[in-house]
Amino acid sequence: MTSSDLAFTPATELAELIRARKLSPVELTRAVLDRIERLNPLVNAFCTITPDVALAAAREAEQAVMKGERRGPLHGVPFSIKDLHYTKGIRTMSGSFVFEHRVPDVDPPVVRRLKQAGGVLLGKTTTPEFGWKGLGDCPVTGITRNPWNTAMTTGGSSAGAGAAAAAGLGPIHQGSDGAGSIRIPSGFCGIFGLKPSYGRVPMWPISNNDYASHMGPMTRTVADAALMLSVMAGPDDWDRTSLEARPDDYVGKLGAGITGLRVAFSPDLGGFPVDAEIAAPVRDAVRAFDELGCVVEEVKSGFADSHDLIRCLWSAHEAGNYAQYLAQWRDRMDPGLVACIE
């Protein structure tokens, strides 16, 4: 299998090849790191790359395989973490000069679970400052570019994760979403992203908008997202909002079909302008769900102008978290974020 083949082989297949001793975790990790070294300067998906950490984990995974041991469903599979979220011993900047040199001493539940499942951490993917907007530029790391057309944006705020998945810089990537931050870059980059139900995946540290905070998978296939979510989901004492119920068997249910599933559809989310070239394929998707046996219902948002409501809530959130940094860091912060705070 060539390096290009490995770059776009789904995580589900990679895990099976490793389990069967047909693929070396070290070989896989080196191939992904080589591809990151070659392509990251073009798309700027990773802000921190950790080859030593990744190769050490890959060697441990390989030794375990040779002993007949299996760490978990992600044994030897590379993954990334968004720069907003802590990683023990690895720089976590949150896309801001404020935390340019921060190195946490703890892994949050999701990172811990991905590692315990056998995953190999490649590094941190880019985000706009504090994940505040749906674009991919950042004062510290610059512009993250869409692999399909580097003149175009990836969207955000999980910008690097979207670019990395689309460019084949690893099979699975963690994103987070408060107001579209998984869904926007997934759509723009042509990958699969899922914002799980509230509380399904534990969040830590808890923010002042925990009602909107969700972590989820960003991958190239639905099956890979199901595999990743099966590891990420489940209750944890570190997050008081995490659901007590154990998650479903997402991988096992992939072939069950969706007949009878209820699907809500809004053509404009309560009044947002929609271009005709966007509206047409969305309507095609609605018809596809209907043909697959789903019960599709067009719904209204319930708000006369939801955009104003979202802006109000978002500005309050940004001010509550980041106004404290303006006195010292204003000139090095994203001007748009400063305006949002003020």
Protein backbone atom coordinates (compact mmCIF):
# COMPACT_ATOMS: atom_id res chain seq x y z
CA MET A 1 0.00 0.00 0.00
CA THR A 2 1.47 3.37 -1.06
CA SER A 3 1.66 6.47 1.14
CA SER A 4 -1.12 8.05 -0.92
CA ASP A 5 -3.27 4.97 -0.39
CA LEU A 6 -2.67 5.14 3.37
CA ALA A 7 -3.56 8.84 3.42
CA PHE A 8 -7.12 8.16 2.31
CA THR A 9 -7.73 4.73 3.80
CA PRO A 10 -10.56 4.92 6.38
CA ALA A 11 -9.71 4.48 10.04
CA THR A 12 -11.95 1.42 10.21
CA GLU A 13 -9.80 -0.33 7.60
CA LEU A 14 -6.52 0.89 9.09
CA ALA A 15 -7.47 -0.47 12.51
CA GLU A 16 -8.33 -3.86 10.99
CA LEU A 17 -5.08 -4.01 9.00
CA ILE A 18 -3.10 -3.23 12.16
CA ARG A 19 -5.00 -5.83 14.17
CA ALA A 20 -4.28 -8.43 11.49
CA ARG A 21 -0.56 -7.48 11.47
CA LYS A 22 -0.81 -6.40 7.83
CA LEU A 23 0.11 -2.78 8.60
CA SER A 24 2.67 -1.39 11.00
CA PRO A 25 1.48 1.49 13.24
CA VAL A 26 4.96 2.99 12.88
CA GLU A 27 4.81 2.77 9.08
CA LEU A 28 1.37 4.38 9.09
CA THR A 29 2.35 7.17 11.46
CA ARG A 30 5.51 7.97 9.51
CA ALA A 31 3.53 8.13 6.27
CA VAL A 32 1.03 10.56 7.81
CA LEU A 33 3.78 12.70 9.37
CA ASP A 34 5.62 12.85 6.02
CA ARG A 35 2.43 13.98 4.32
CA ILE A 36 1.84 16.63 7.00
CA GLU A 37 5.41 17.90 6.55
CA ARG A 38 4.86 18.17 2.80
CA LEU A 39 1.34 19.62 2.66
CA ASN A 40 0.85 21.55 5.88
CA PRO A 41 2.78 24.58 4.55
CA LEU A 42 0.14 24.78 1.79
CA VAL A 43 -3.02 24.46 3.89
CA ASN A 44 -1.90 25.31 7.46
CA ALA A 45 -4.05 22.63 9.09
CA PHE A 46 -1.71 21.93 12.03
CA CYS A 47 -0.36 24.63 14.34
CA THR A 48 1.58 22.16 16.51
CA ILE A 49 2.98 18.88 15.16
CA THR A 50 4.33 16.29 17.61
CA PRO A 51 6.33 13.69 15.64
CA ASP A 52 8.28 12.43 18.66
CA VAL A 53 5.09 11.92 20.68
CA ALA A 54 3.34 10.28 17.74
CA LEU A 55 6.16 7.90 16.87
CA ALA A 56 6.63 6.89 20.51
CA ALA A 57 2.92 6.02 20.74
CA ALA A 58 3.09 4.20 17.40
CA ARG A 59 6.04 2.09 18.60
CA GLU A 60 4.14 1.17 21.75
CA ALA A 61 1.14 0.22 19.61
CA GLU A 62 3.32 -1.90 17.36
CA GLN A 63 4.94 -3.72 20.27
CA ALA A 64 1.50 -4.44 21.71
CA VAL A 65 0.32 -5.89 18.39
CA MET A 66 3.34 -8.17 18.22
CA LYS A 67 2.47 -9.45 21.71
CA GLY A 68 -1.09 -10.15 20.64
CA GLU A 69 -2.48 -7.26 22.70
CA ARG A 70 -5.21 -4.87 21.58
CA ARG A 71 -5.41 -1.45 23.23
CA GLY A 72 -8.82 -0.59 21.82
CA PRO A 73 -10.76 0.18 18.64
CA LEU A 74 -8.28 2.88 17.56
CA HIS A 75 -5.14 0.80 18.16
CA GLY A 76 -2.40 2.49 16.11
CA VAL A 77 -4.74 4.92 14.33
CA PRO A 78 -3.50 8.56 14.11
CA PHE A 79 -5.76 11.40 15.29
CA SER A 80 -5.59 15.14 16.00
CA ILE A 81 -6.98 17.50 18.63
CA LYS A 82 -8.21 21.05 18.02
CA ASP A 83 -5.98 23.75 19.51
CA LEU A 84 -8.84 24.99 21.70
CA HIS A 85 -8.63 21.88 23.86
CA TYR A 86 -6.05 20.83 26.42
CA THR A 87 -3.41 18.19 25.70
CA LYS A 88 -1.05 17.09 28.45
CA GLY A 89 2.50 18.23 27.77
CA ILE A 90 1.61 19.74 24.38
CA ARG A 91 1.18 23.43 23.66
CA THR A 92 -2.45 24.59 23.63
CA MET A 93 -2.72 28.19 22.38
CA SER A 94 -6.45 28.48 21.67
CA GLY A 95 -5.34 30.42 18.61
CA SER A 96 -4.30 33.39 20.76
CA PHE A 97 -1.10 35.19 21.70
CA VAL A 98 -2.58 35.30 25.21
CA PHE A 99 -1.83 31.57 25.57
CA GLU A 100 0.96 31.21 23.01
CA HIS A 101 3.20 29.35 25.47
CA ARG A 102 0.60 27.46 27.54
CA VAL A 103 1.38 23.77 28.08
CA PRO A 104 -1.36 21.99 30.09
CA ASP A 105 -0.47 19.29 32.60
CA VAL A 106 -3.64 17.26 32.10
CA ASP A 107 -5.65 15.57 29.35
CA PRO A 108 -9.43 16.19 29.34
CA PRO A 109 -11.74 13.17 29.11
CA VAL A 110 -11.97 13.05 25.30
CA VAL A 111 -8.21 13.18 24.75
CA ARG A 112 -7.69 10.60 27.46
CA ARG A 113 -10.27 8.27 25.87
CA LEU A 114 -8.81 8.56 22.38
CA LYS A 115 -5.36 7.68 23.73
CA GLN A 116 -6.66 4.82 25.87
CA ALA A 117 -8.42 3.41 22.80
CA GLY A 118 -5.00 3.11 21.17
CA GLY A 119 -5.03 6.32 19.13
CA VAL A 120 -1.77 8.03 18.10
CA LEU A 121 -1.82 11.80 18.66
CA LEU A 122 -0.30 13.71 15.72
CA GLY A 123 -0.62 17.25 17.11
CA LYS A 124 -2.99 20.21 17.30
CA THR A 125 -5.14 21.65 14.51
CA THR A 126 -5.74 25.34 13.93
CA THR A 127 -8.64 27.47 15.11
CA PRO A 128 -9.49 31.18 14.96
CA GLU A 129 -8.74 32.98 18.22
CA PHE A 130 -10.68 31.27 21.03
CA GLY A 131 -12.82 29.64 18.32
CA TRP A 132 -14.88 32.80 18.13
CA LYS A 133 -15.89 32.76 14.45
CA GLY A 134 -16.75 30.57 11.48
CA LEU A 135 -13.62 31.35 9.46
CA GLY A 136 -10.10 29.92 9.50
CA ASP A 137 -7.76 32.85 10.12
CA CYS A 138 -5.91 33.39 13.38
CA PRO A 139 -3.53 36.07 14.74
CA VAL A 140 -0.97 33.44 15.83
CA THR A 141 -1.08 30.86 13.07
CA GLY A 142 -2.29 32.80 10.03
CA ILE A 143 -4.81 31.58 7.47
CA THR A 144 -5.93 27.97 7.18
CA ARG A 145 -6.74 27.20 3.55
CA ASN A 146 -9.23 24.87 1.91
CA PRO A 147 -7.42 21.89 0.31
CA TRP A 148 -9.89 21.86 -2.58
CA ASN A 149 -9.03 25.46 -3.47
CA THR A 150 -6.44 27.27 -1.37
CA ALA A 151 -7.94 30.63 -2.34
CA MET A 152 -11.06 29.64 -0.38
CA THR A 153 -11.75 29.40 3.34
CA THR A 154 -12.20 26.19 5.29
CA GLY A 155 -14.81 27.82 7.49
CA GLY A 156 -14.41 27.48 11.23
CA SER A 157 -13.84 27.29 13.97
CA SER A 158 -12.56 23.70 13.58
CA ALA A 159 -10.69 24.97 10.54
CA GLY A 160 -7.55 22.86 10.80
CA ALA A 161 -9.50 19.68 11.46
CA GLY A 162 -11.54 20.23 8.30
CA ALA A 163 -8.46 20.95 6.21
CA ALA A 164 -6.54 18.01 7.69
CA ALA A 165 -9.33 15.53 6.99
CA ALA A 166 -9.83 16.75 3.42
CA ALA A 167 -6.09 16.74 2.65
CA GLY A 168 -5.49 13.25 4.03
CA LEU A 169 -3.43 14.45 6.99
CA GLY A 170 -4.71 11.70 9.24
CA PRO A 171 -8.00 9.76 9.16
CA ILE A 172 -9.85 11.12 12.21
CA HIS A 173 -9.92 14.54 13.84
CA GLN A 174 -11.59 16.00 16.93
CA GLY A 175 -13.63 19.16 16.50
CA SER A 176 -15.88 21.24 18.71
CA ASP A 177 -19.05 23.14 17.93
CA GLY A 178 -20.99 25.93 19.63
CA ALA A 179 -22.59 27.63 16.62
CA GLY A 180 -21.47 25.60 13.61
CA SER A 181 -17.77 25.06 14.31
CA ILE A 182 -17.83 21.38 13.27
CA ARG A 183 -20.58 21.65 10.67
CA ILE A 184 -19.30 24.70 8.77
CA PRO A 185 -15.77 23.42 8.00
CA SER A 186 -17.11 19.93 7.35
CA GLY A 187 -19.44 21.36 4.71
CA PHE A 188 -16.83 23.67 3.20
CA CYS A 189 -14.16 20.94 3.07
CA GLY A 190 -16.39 18.13 1.80
CA ILE A 191 -15.99 15.81 4.79
CA PHE A 192 -18.32 14.31 7.40
CA GLY A 193 -18.75 16.11 10.71
CA LEU A 194 -21.20 15.57 13.55
CA LYS A 195 -22.25 17.83 16.42
CA PRO A 196 -23.49 15.23 18.94
CA SER A 197 -26.47 15.75 21.23
CA TYR A 198 -25.92 17.91 24.29
CA GLY A 199 -24.07 15.97 26.97
CA ARG A 200 -23.28 12.98 24.77
CA VAL A 201 -19.54 13.73 24.76
CA PRO A 202 -18.02 15.11 28.00
CA MET A 203 -16.57 18.64 27.84
CA TRP A 204 -13.81 19.93 30.09
CA PRO A 205 -12.98 22.60 31.13
CA ILE A 206 -16.56 23.80 31.25
CA SER A 207 -17.16 27.22 29.69
CA ASN A 208 -19.82 29.81 30.43
CA ASN A 209 -21.73 28.64 27.36
CA ASP A 210 -21.67 24.94 28.14
CA TYR A 211 -25.23 24.73 26.82
CA ALA A 212 -23.78 25.18 23.33
CA SER A 213 -20.46 23.37 23.74
CA HIS A 214 -20.15 20.03 21.96
CA MET A 215 -17.18 17.90 20.87
CA GLY A 216 -17.51 15.62 17.89
CA PRO A 217 -15.74 13.71 15.12
CA MET A 218 -14.57 15.13 11.79
CA THR A 219 -13.71 12.40 9.29
CA ARG A 220 -13.92 11.42 5.63
CA THR A 221 -16.45 8.62 6.16
CA VAL A 222 -19.55 8.10 8.27
CA ALA A 223 -18.15 4.81 9.57
CA ASP A 224 -15.01 6.55 10.85
CA ALA A 225 -17.15 9.14 12.63
CA ALA A 226 -19.17 6.35 14.24
CA LEU A 227 -15.96 4.65 15.37
CA MET A 228 -14.52 7.86 16.80
CA LEU A 229 -17.78 8.84 18.51
CA SER A 230 -18.04 5.41 20.12
CA VAL A 231 -14.76 6.19 21.89
CA MET A 232 -15.49 9.84 22.73
CA ALA A 233 -19.05 9.45 24.04
CA GLY A 234 -20.24 8.46 27.50
CA PRO A 235 -20.59 9.94 31.00
CA ASP A 236 -17.64 11.38 32.90
CA ASP A 237 -17.38 12.87 36.38
CA TRP A 238 -15.39 15.80 35.02
CA ASP A 239 -18.47 17.12 33.19
CA ARG A 240 -21.61 17.62 35.26
CA THR A 241 -23.67 17.96 32.06
CA SER A 242 -22.60 14.65 30.50
CA LEU A 243 -25.42 12.17 29.97
CA GLU A 244 -25.48 9.25 32.39
CA ALA A 245 -26.75 6.80 29.78
CA ARG A 246 -24.12 4.80 27.95
CA PRO A 247 -23.90 5.58 24.21
CA ASP A 248 -25.40 3.34 21.54
CA ASP A 249 -23.37 0.97 19.38
CA TYR A 250 -22.87 3.52 16.62
CA VAL A 251 -20.69 1.25 14.46
CA GLY A 252 -22.99 -1.75 14.83
CA LYS A 253 -26.05 0.24 13.77
CA LEU A 254 -24.56 1.66 10.56
CA GLY A 255 -26.25 -0.94 8.38
CA ALA A 256 -29.64 -0.77 10.06
CA GLY A 257 -31.09 1.80 7.66
CA ILE A 258 -32.99 4.98 8.50
CA THR A 259 -36.58 4.08 7.62
CA GLY A 260 -38.94 5.89 9.99
CA LEU A 261 -36.33 8.33 11.26
CA ARG A 262 -37.80 11.78 11.87
CA VAL A 263 -35.88 14.57 10.12
CA ALA A 264 -36.51 18.26 10.73
CA PHE A 265 -35.75 20.61 7.86
CA SER A 266 -35.64 24.40 7.68
CA PRO A 267 -35.01 26.11 4.34
CA ASP A 268 -33.61 29.28 5.92
CA LEU A 269 -33.26 28.77 9.71
CA GLY A 270 -35.74 31.52 10.40
CA GLY A 271 -34.93 34.11 7.77
CA PHE A 272 -31.30 33.79 6.67
CA PRO A 273 -30.72 34.55 2.97
CA VAL A 274 -29.92 31.39 0.97
CA ASP A 275 -28.39 31.39 -2.52
CA ALA A 276 -30.25 29.37 -5.15
CA GLU A 277 -27.16 27.24 -5.84
CA ILE A 278 -27.23 26.19 -2.17
CA ALA A 279 -31.00 25.82 -1.82
CA ALA A 280 -31.26 23.39 -4.76
CA PRO A 281 -28.92 20.65 -3.46
CA VAL A 282 -30.42 21.01 0.03
CA ARG A 283 -33.85 20.28 -1.47
CA ASP A 284 -32.29 17.31 -3.28
CA ALA A 285 -31.05 16.04 0.09
CA VAL A 286 -34.53 16.42 1.56
CA ARG A 287 -35.94 14.30 -1.28
CA ALA A 288 -33.22 11.71 -0.73
CA PHE A 289 -34.14 11.38 2.95
CA ASP A 290 -37.78 11.01 1.96
CA GLU A 291 -36.96 8.30 -0.58
CA LEU A 292 -34.95 6.42 2.06
CA GLY A 293 -38.05 6.20 4.22
CA CYS A 294 -37.53 9.08 6.64
CA VAL A 295 -40.36 11.25 7.91
CA VAL A 296 -39.24 14.73 6.83
CA GLU A 297 -40.96 17.74 8.36
CA GLU A 298 -40.32 21.37 7.44
CA VAL A 299 -40.11 23.40 10.65
CA LYS A 300 -39.87 27.06 11.60
CA SER A 301 -37.23 28.37 13.98
CA GLY A 302 -39.72 30.06 16.31
CA PHE A 303 -37.79 33.36 16.26
CA ALA A 304 -38.55 36.35 14.06
CA ASP A 305 -34.84 37.11 13.65
CA SER A 306 -32.68 34.39 15.15
CA HIS A 307 -29.52 36.07 13.85
CA ASP A 308 -29.93 39.00 16.26
CA LEU A 309 -30.52 36.59 19.14
CA ILE A 310 -27.42 34.57 18.29
CA ARG A 311 -25.29 37.71 18.02
CA CYS A 312 -26.48 38.89 21.42
CA LEU A 313 -25.75 35.58 23.12
CA TRP A 314 -22.41 35.17 21.35
CA SER A 315 -21.19 38.67 22.23
CA ALA A 316 -22.10 38.12 25.88
CA HIS A 317 -20.19 34.84 25.86
CA GLU A 318 -17.08 36.37 24.27
CA ALA A 319 -17.11 39.35 26.63
CA GLY A 320 -17.58 37.17 29.69
CA ASN A 321 -14.60 35.03 28.79
CA TYR A 322 -12.15 37.34 27.07
CA ALA A 323 -12.77 41.01 27.99
CA GLN A 324 -10.25 40.50 30.79
CA TYR A 325 -7.44 40.25 28.22
CA LEU A 326 -8.12 43.49 26.33
CA ALA A 327 -6.05 45.76 28.56
CA GLN A 328 -2.83 43.86 27.86
CA TRP A 329 -3.45 42.06 24.59
CA ARG A 330 -5.85 44.21 22.51
CA ASP A 331 -3.29 45.03 19.80
CA ARG A 332 -2.45 41.35 19.28
CA MET A 333 -6.01 40.03 19.31
CA ASP A 334 -8.30 39.51 16.32
CA PRO A 335 -9.89 42.95 15.68
CA GLY A 336 -13.21 41.26 14.96
CA LEU A 337 -13.14 39.55 18.34
CA VAL A 338 -12.30 42.83 20.06
CA ALA A 339 -15.28 44.48 18.36
CA CYS A 340 -17.53 41.56 19.35
CA ILE A 341 -16.45 41.88 22.99
CA GLU A 342 -16.99 45.63 23.09
